[in-house]
Amino acid sequence: MGKNLKKQIELLKPDVLLIDIQFAAEAMTVFDLLDYFLRKGKLNFQTIIFSGHCETEYYDMAFRYGALHFIPKPIDKTRLKEAFQRVRNTETEEESSKTSTFHLKNKLVVYTAGLRHFIDLQNLVYIQSKKVGVSIHLSNNEIIRSSRNIGYYQEQLAGIPNFIRIHNSTLLNTDYIDTISSASERIVFLKSPFGKIQASRERFKELLENF
């Protein structure tokens, strides 16, 4: 079922995928599925995850992968309506972004609550997934919240070599890297005052290949 589902997603190109956290007899999880598409570069769909497992680790992992909503079973109608409302909100944000001046060189346009933020890419330190959407961290310590998932911004920044995914939850501007730890620790130390971020094992290898 897992292989067939991948093919169906690639064929149908859905805008939103509603899926159980574990959906195949071979114990494949939605995170395995998302990893498959992330390895190909980006997620072109929003994800709403259903689960009978309500442990915090699953909840947190879902949002680190950019899920739009995590709904425990039995499915509550109110939560399902909230999930669809988030879909509509992100679609509105995307349309607003398309009508804004996205062609501006060296800028990222972020649409939030009716406002357009024109961010100089040189001032963008990193983007990190949250329980809902992402937080965009700037060099002046300002943080901008967006309801879009991290895959959306990875797509917007595609082709710009100094922006790299170092974790499923983190997209980093490599201009702000100070030092990189050993492979066993996988810690990326940023220039002061931005602290440090841990990279995933697979993404850490990709990071080292770029330096």
C-alpha atoms as a PDB file:
ATOM      1  CA  MET A   1       0.000   0.000   0.000  1.00  0.00           C
ATOM      2  CA  GLY A   2       2.852   2.377   0.814  1.00  0.00           C
ATOM      3  CA  LYS A   3       4.338   2.243  -2.698  1.00  0.00           C
ATOM      4  CA  ASN A   4       0.915   2.579  -4.298  1.00  0.00           C
ATOM      5  CA  LEU A   5       0.107   5.594  -2.153  1.00  0.00           C
ATOM      6  CA  LYS A   6       3.316   7.351  -3.181  1.00  0.00           C
ATOM      7  CA  LYS A   7       2.459   6.767  -6.824  1.00  0.00           C
ATOM      8  CA  GLN A   8      -1.102   8.004  -6.325  1.00  0.00           C
ATOM      9  CA  ILE A   9       0.094  11.197  -4.629  1.00  0.00           C
ATOM     10  CA  GLU A  10       2.612  11.854  -7.399  1.00  0.00           C
ATOM     11  CA  LEU A  11      -0.081  11.223 -10.000  1.00  0.00           C
ATOM     12  CA  LEU A  12      -2.987  13.131  -8.440  1.00  0.00           C
ATOM     13  CA  LYS A  13      -0.934  15.983  -6.905  1.00  0.00           C
ATOM     14  CA  PRO A  14      -3.391  16.723  -4.049  1.00  0.00           C
ATOM     15  CA  ASP A  15      -3.498  20.113  -2.339  1.00  0.00           C
ATOM     16  CA  VAL A  16      -4.379  18.500   1.001  1.00  0.00           C
ATOM     17  CA  LEU A  17      -3.659  14.976   2.228  1.00  0.00           C
ATOM     18  CA  LEU A  18      -5.851  13.578   5.036  1.00  0.00           C
ATOM     19  CA  ILE A  19      -4.112  10.494   6.365  1.00  0.00           C
ATOM     20  CA  ASP A  20      -3.826   8.211   9.374  1.00  0.00           C
ATOM     21  CA  ILE A  21      -0.503   8.268  11.206  1.00  0.00           C
ATOM     22  CA  GLN A  22      -0.065   4.567  10.363  1.00  0.00           C
ATOM     23  CA  PHE A  23      -1.649   3.539   7.098  1.00  0.00           C
ATOM     24  CA  ALA A  24      -0.007   0.361   5.787  1.00  0.00           C
ATOM     25  CA  ALA A  25       0.175  -3.258   6.864  1.00  0.00           C
ATOM     26  CA  GLU A  26       3.969  -3.057   6.800  1.00  0.00           C
ATOM     27  CA  ALA A  27       3.801  -0.517   9.657  1.00  0.00           C
ATOM     28  CA  MET A  28       4.660   2.415   7.416  1.00  0.00           C
ATOM     29  CA  THR A  29       3.855   5.742   9.040  1.00  0.00           C
ATOM     30  CA  VAL A  30       2.955   9.115   7.630  1.00  0.00           C
ATOM     31  CA  PHE A  31       6.427  10.322   8.661  1.00  0.00           C
ATOM     32  CA  ASP A  32       8.031   7.705   6.393  1.00  0.00           C
ATOM     33  CA  LEU A  33       5.838   8.999   3.593  1.00  0.00           C
ATOM     34  CA  LEU A  34       6.744  12.638   4.256  1.00  0.00           C
ATOM     35  CA  ASP A  35      10.436  11.726   4.452  1.00  0.00           C
ATOM     36  CA  TYR A  36      10.132  10.187   0.994  1.00  0.00           C
ATOM     37  CA  PHE A  37       8.808  13.424  -0.505  1.00  0.00           C
ATOM     38  CA  LEU A  38      11.204  15.612   1.496  1.00  0.00           C
ATOM     39  CA  ARG A  39      14.135  13.649   0.090  1.00  0.00           C
ATOM     40  CA  LYS A  40      12.819  14.591  -3.340  1.00  0.00           C
ATOM     41  CA  GLY A  41      13.073  18.248  -2.356  1.00  0.00           C
ATOM     42  CA  LYS A  42       9.745  19.565  -1.099  1.00  0.00           C
ATOM     43  CA  LEU A  43       6.160  18.884  -0.072  1.00  0.00           C
ATOM     44  CA  ASN A  44       3.604  20.147  -2.556  1.00  0.00           C
ATOM     45  CA  PHE A  45       0.633  19.390  -0.327  1.00  0.00           C
ATOM     46  CA  GLN A  46      -0.719  20.242   3.101  1.00  0.00           C
ATOM     47  CA  THR A  47      -1.146  17.392   5.592  1.00  0.00           C
ATOM     48  CA  ILE A  48      -3.868  16.695   8.157  1.00  0.00           C
ATOM     49  CA  ILE A  49      -2.981  13.686  10.302  1.00  0.00           C
ATOM     50  CA  PHE A  50      -5.395  11.411  12.177  1.00  0.00           C
ATOM     51  CA  SER A  51      -4.162   9.196  14.998  1.00  0.00           C
ATOM     52  CA  GLY A  52      -5.313   6.902  17.762  1.00  0.00           C
ATOM     53  CA  HIS A  53      -1.946   7.545  19.406  1.00  0.00           C
ATOM     54  CA  CYS A  54      -2.124  10.804  21.332  1.00  0.00           C
ATOM     55  CA  GLU A  55       1.338  10.735  22.893  1.00  0.00           C
ATOM     56  CA  THR A  56       3.089  14.103  22.884  1.00  0.00           C
ATOM     57  CA  GLU A  57       5.951  12.754  20.744  1.00  0.00           C
ATOM     58  CA  TYR A  58       3.588  12.018  17.842  1.00  0.00           C
ATOM     59  CA  TYR A  59       1.889  15.383  18.212  1.00  0.00           C
ATOM     60  CA  ASP A  60       5.194  17.250  18.224  1.00  0.00           C
ATOM     61  CA  MET A  61       6.594  15.207  15.349  1.00  0.00           C
ATOM     62  CA  ALA A  62       3.544  15.923  13.205  1.00  0.00           C
ATOM     63  CA  PHE A  63       4.078  19.661  13.474  1.00  0.00           C
ATOM     64  CA  ARG A  64       7.837  19.388  13.000  1.00  0.00           C
ATOM     65  CA  TYR A  65       6.991  17.849   9.646  1.00  0.00           C
ATOM     66  CA  GLY A  66       4.754  20.816   8.882  1.00  0.00           C
ATOM     67  CA  ALA A  67       1.366  19.152   9.403  1.00  0.00           C
ATOM     68  CA  LEU A  68      -1.519  21.592   9.239  1.00  0.00           C
ATOM     69  CA  HIS A  69      -3.421  19.769  11.985  1.00  0.00           C
ATOM     70  CA  PHE A  70      -3.144  16.656  14.182  1.00  0.00           C
ATOM     71  CA  ILE A  71      -6.540  15.185  15.066  1.00  0.00           C
ATOM     72  CA  PRO A  72      -6.860  12.351  17.618  1.00  0.00           C
ATOM     73  CA  LYS A  73      -9.375   9.539  17.161  1.00  0.00           C
ATOM     74  CA  PRO A  74     -12.287   9.352  17.497  1.00  0.00           C
ATOM     75  CA  ILE A  75     -12.405  12.325  15.151  1.00  0.00           C
ATOM     76  CA  ASP A  76     -14.056  15.394  16.631  1.00  0.00           C
ATOM     77  CA  LYS A  77     -16.135  17.372  14.113  1.00  0.00           C
ATOM     78  CA  THR A  78     -15.100  20.710  15.621  1.00  0.00           C
ATOM     79  CA  ARG A  79     -11.407  19.913  15.225  1.00  0.00           C
ATOM     80  CA  LEU A  80     -11.998  18.724  11.688  1.00  0.00           C
ATOM     81  CA  LYS A  81     -13.726  22.017  10.861  1.00  0.00           C
ATOM     82  CA  GLU A  82     -10.776  23.894  12.383  1.00  0.00           C
ATOM     83  CA  ALA A  83      -8.422  21.905  10.154  1.00  0.00           C
ATOM     84  CA  PHE A  84     -10.360  22.809   7.017  1.00  0.00           C
ATOM     85  CA  GLN A  85     -10.446  26.448   8.114  1.00  0.00           C
ATOM     86  CA  ARG A  86      -6.653  26.387   8.362  1.00  0.00           C
ATOM     87  CA  VAL A  87      -6.551  25.017   4.834  1.00  0.00           C
ATOM     88  CA  ARG A  88      -8.678  27.939   3.648  1.00  0.00           C
ATOM     89  CA  ASN A  89      -6.512  30.407   5.578  1.00  0.00           C
ATOM     90  CA  THR A  90      -3.299  29.123   4.030  1.00  0.00           C
ATOM     91  CA  GLU A  91      -4.865  29.186   0.565  1.00  0.00           C
ATOM     92  CA  THR A  92      -5.834  32.822   1.134  1.00  0.00           C
ATOM     93  CA  GLU A  93      -2.303  33.599   2.269  1.00  0.00           C
ATOM     94  CA  GLU A  94      -0.839  31.893  -0.779  1.00  0.00           C
ATOM     95  CA  GLU A  95      -3.084  33.798  -3.173  1.00  0.00           C
ATOM     96  CA  SER A  96      -2.194  37.067  -1.444  1.00  0.00           C
ATOM     97  CA  SER A  97       1.476  36.203  -1.754  1.00  0.00           C
ATOM     98  CA  LYS A  98       1.071  35.491  -5.446  1.00  0.00           C
ATOM     99  CA  THR A  99      -0.472  38.914  -6.018  1.00  0.00           C
ATOM    100  CA  SER A 100       2.277  40.652  -4.072  1.00  0.00           C
ATOM    101  CA  THR A 101       5.670  41.517  -5.538  1.00  0.00           C
ATOM    102  CA  PHE A 102       7.254  38.075  -5.232  1.00  0.00           C
ATOM    103  CA  HIS A 103       9.527  38.920  -8.140  1.00  0.00           C
ATOM    104  CA  LEU A 104      11.535  41.359  -6.012  1.00  0.00           C
ATOM    105  CA  LYS A 105      15.135  40.255  -5.994  1.00  0.00           C
ATOM    106  CA  ASN A 106      16.689  39.106  -2.723  1.00  0.00           C
ATOM    107  CA  LYS A 107      13.418  39.382  -0.803  1.00  0.00           C
ATOM    108  CA  LEU A 108      10.931  36.955   0.682  1.00  0.00           C
ATOM    109  CA  VAL A 109       7.336  38.112   0.969  1.00  0.00           C
ATOM    110  CA  VAL A 110       5.483  36.751   4.003  1.00  0.00           C
ATOM    111  CA  TYR A 111       1.753  37.349   4.327  1.00  0.00           C
ATOM    112  CA  THR A 112       0.367  37.376   7.901  1.00  0.00           C
ATOM    113  CA  ALA A 113      -3.031  38.548   9.144  1.00  0.00           C
ATOM    114  CA  GLY A 114      -3.551  40.906   6.227  1.00  0.00           C
ATOM    115  CA  LEU A 115       0.010  42.287   6.304  1.00  0.00           C
ATOM    116  CA  ARG A 116       2.803  41.741   3.790  1.00  0.00           C
ATOM    117  CA  HIS A 117       6.326  41.543   5.195  1.00  0.00           C
ATOM    118  CA  PHE A 118       9.119  42.152   2.686  1.00  0.00           C
ATOM    119  CA  ILE A 119      12.137  40.404   4.188  1.00  0.00           C
ATOM    120  CA  ASP A 120      15.654  40.935   2.864  1.00  0.00           C
ATOM    121  CA  LEU A 121      17.113  37.450   2.484  1.00  0.00           C
ATOM    122  CA  GLN A 122      20.386  38.586   4.013  1.00  0.00           C
ATOM    123  CA  ASN A 123      18.442  39.323   7.220  1.00  0.00           C
ATOM    124  CA  LEU A 124      16.696  35.938   7.341  1.00  0.00           C
ATOM    125  CA  VAL A 125      18.536  33.691   9.822  1.00  0.00           C
ATOM    126  CA  TYR A 126      16.341  30.590   9.876  1.00  0.00           C
ATOM    127  CA  ILE A 127      12.786  29.313   9.568  1.00  0.00           C
ATOM    128  CA  GLN A 128      11.511  26.766  12.071  1.00  0.00           C
ATOM    129  CA  SER A 129       8.351  24.652  12.187  1.00  0.00           C
ATOM    130  CA  LYS A 130       5.953  25.169  15.077  1.00  0.00           C
ATOM    131  CA  LYS A 131       2.780  23.404  16.177  1.00  0.00           C
ATOM    132  CA  VAL A 132       0.956  25.604  13.697  1.00  0.00           C
ATOM    133  CA  GLY A 133       2.924  27.078  10.803  1.00  0.00           C
ATOM    134  CA  VAL A 134       6.450  28.418  11.218  1.00  0.00           C
ATOM    135  CA  SER A 135       8.453  31.087  13.007  1.00  0.00           C
ATOM    136  CA  ILE A 136      10.754  33.193  10.819  1.00  0.00           C
ATOM    137  CA  HIS A 137      13.807  34.449  12.726  1.00  0.00           C
ATOM    138  CA  LEU A 138      15.473  37.649  11.536  1.00  0.00           C
ATOM    139  CA  SER A 139      18.887  39.165  12.225  1.00  0.00           C
ATOM    140  CA  ASN A 140      17.367  41.967  14.346  1.00  0.00           C
ATOM    141  CA  ASN A 141      15.874  39.269  16.653  1.00  0.00           C
ATOM    142  CA  GLU A 142      12.388  39.900  15.274  1.00  0.00           C
ATOM    143  CA  ILE A 143      10.261  36.763  14.869  1.00  0.00           C
ATOM    144  CA  ILE A 144       7.459  36.635  12.299  1.00  0.00           C
ATOM    145  CA  ARG A 145       4.795  33.924  12.531  1.00  0.00           C
ATOM    146  CA  SER A 146       3.274  32.418   9.413  1.00  0.00           C
ATOM    147  CA  SER A 147       0.578  29.762   9.049  1.00  0.00           C
ATOM    148  CA  ARG A 148       2.344  28.279   6.015  1.00  0.00           C
ATOM    149  CA  ASN A 149       4.391  25.133   6.591  1.00  0.00           C
ATOM    150  CA  ILE A 150       8.141  24.937   6.181  1.00  0.00           C
ATOM    151  CA  GLY A 151       7.870  23.112   2.853  1.00  0.00           C
ATOM    152  CA  TYR A 152       6.184  26.164   1.357  1.00  0.00           C
ATOM    153  CA  TYR A 153       9.116  28.412   2.271  1.00  0.00           C
ATOM    154  CA  GLN A 154      11.642  25.844   1.122  1.00  0.00           C
ATOM    155  CA  GLU A 155       9.962  26.007  -2.264  1.00  0.00           C
ATOM    156  CA  GLN A 156      10.064  29.823  -2.273  1.00  0.00           C
ATOM    157  CA  LEU A 157      13.784  29.758  -1.469  1.00  0.00           C
ATOM    158  CA  ALA A 158      14.643  26.953  -3.888  1.00  0.00           C
ATOM    159  CA  GLY A 159      17.612  27.793  -6.057  1.00  0.00           C
ATOM    160  CA  ILE A 160      19.172  30.116  -3.477  1.00  0.00           C
ATOM    161  CA  PRO A 161      22.300  28.165  -2.446  1.00  0.00           C
ATOM    162  CA  ASN A 162      22.771  29.560   1.059  1.00  0.00           C
ATOM    163  CA  PHE A 163      19.386  28.296   2.289  1.00  0.00           C
ATOM    164  CA  ILE A 164      19.479  24.645   3.288  1.00  0.00           C
ATOM    165  CA  ARG A 165      17.226  22.300   5.250  1.00  0.00           C
ATOM    166  CA  ILE A 166      19.271  21.005   8.211  1.00  0.00           C
ATOM    167  CA  HIS A 167      16.322  19.291   9.887  1.00  0.00           C
ATOM    168  CA  ASN A 168      12.757  18.474   8.923  1.00  0.00           C
ATOM    169  CA  SER A 169      11.794  21.391  11.150  1.00  0.00           C
ATOM    170  CA  THR A 170      14.537  23.902  10.252  1.00  0.00           C
ATOM    171  CA  LEU A 171      15.542  25.834   7.125  1.00  0.00           C
ATOM    172  CA  LEU A 172      18.794  27.725   7.722  1.00  0.00           C
ATOM    173  CA  ASN A 173      20.677  30.581   6.069  1.00  0.00           C
ATOM    174  CA  THR A 174      24.231  29.216   5.970  1.00  0.00           C
ATOM    175  CA  ASP A 175      25.652  32.758   6.050  1.00  0.00           C
ATOM    176  CA  TYR A 176      24.897  32.701   9.785  1.00  0.00           C
ATOM    177  CA  ILE A 177      26.859  29.519  10.528  1.00  0.00           C
ATOM    178  CA  ASP A 178      29.836  30.050  12.822  1.00  0.00           C
ATOM    179  CA  THR A 179      31.073  26.508  13.491  1.00  0.00           C
ATOM    180  CA  ILE A 180      29.872  22.945  12.968  1.00  0.00           C
ATOM    181  CA  SER A 181      30.370  20.196  15.549  1.00  0.00           C
ATOM    182  CA  SER A 182      31.386  16.583  15.012  1.00  0.00           C
ATOM    183  CA  ALA A 183      29.103  14.149  13.203  1.00  0.00           C
ATOM    184  CA  SER A 184      28.226  12.443  16.487  1.00  0.00           C
ATOM    185  CA  GLU A 185      26.714  15.647  17.927  1.00  0.00           C
ATOM    186  CA  ARG A 186      25.413  17.254  14.700  1.00  0.00           C
ATOM    187  CA  ILE A 187      25.271  20.724  16.289  1.00  0.00           C
ATOM    188  CA  VAL A 188      25.351  23.843  14.113  1.00  0.00           C
ATOM    189  CA  PHE A 189      26.576  26.867  16.060  1.00  0.00           C
ATOM    190  CA  LEU A 190      25.296  30.158  14.699  1.00  0.00           C
ATOM    191  CA  LYS A 191      26.907  33.556  14.894  1.00  0.00           C
ATOM    192  CA  SER A 192      26.145  35.470  18.084  1.00  0.00           C
ATOM    193  CA  PRO A 193      23.482  35.918  19.394  1.00  0.00           C
ATOM    194  CA  PHE A 194      21.559  33.189  17.566  1.00  0.00           C
ATOM    195  CA  GLY A 195      22.641  30.152  19.576  1.00  0.00           C
ATOM    196  CA  LYS A 196      22.775  26.658  18.147  1.00  0.00           C
ATOM    197  CA  ILE A 197      20.563  24.213  16.250  1.00  0.00           C
ATOM    198  CA  GLN A 198      20.821  20.450  16.001  1.00  0.00           C
ATOM    199  CA  ALA A 199      20.709  18.923  12.542  1.00  0.00           C
ATOM    200  CA  SER A 200      19.172  15.568  11.688  1.00  0.00           C
ATOM    201  CA  ARG A 201      21.567  12.756  10.763  1.00  0.00           C
ATOM    202  CA  GLU A 202      20.689  12.725   7.064  1.00  0.00           C
ATOM    203  CA  ARG A 203      20.510  16.517   6.731  1.00  0.00           C
ATOM    204  CA  PHE A 204      23.833  16.900   8.556  1.00  0.00           C
ATOM    205  CA  LYS A 205      25.539  14.883   5.820  1.00  0.00           C
ATOM    206  CA  GLU A 206      24.005  17.150   3.190  1.00  0.00           C
ATOM    207  CA  LEU A 207      25.185  20.195   5.145  1.00  0.00           C
ATOM    208  CA  LEU A 208      28.780  18.955   5.265  1.00  0.00           C
ATOM    209  CA  GLU A 209      28.702  18.333   1.517  1.00  0.00           C
ATOM    210  CA  ASN A 210      28.002  22.049   1.040  1.00  0.00           C
ATOM    211  CA  PHE A 211      31.035  23.154   3.050  1.00  0.00           C
END
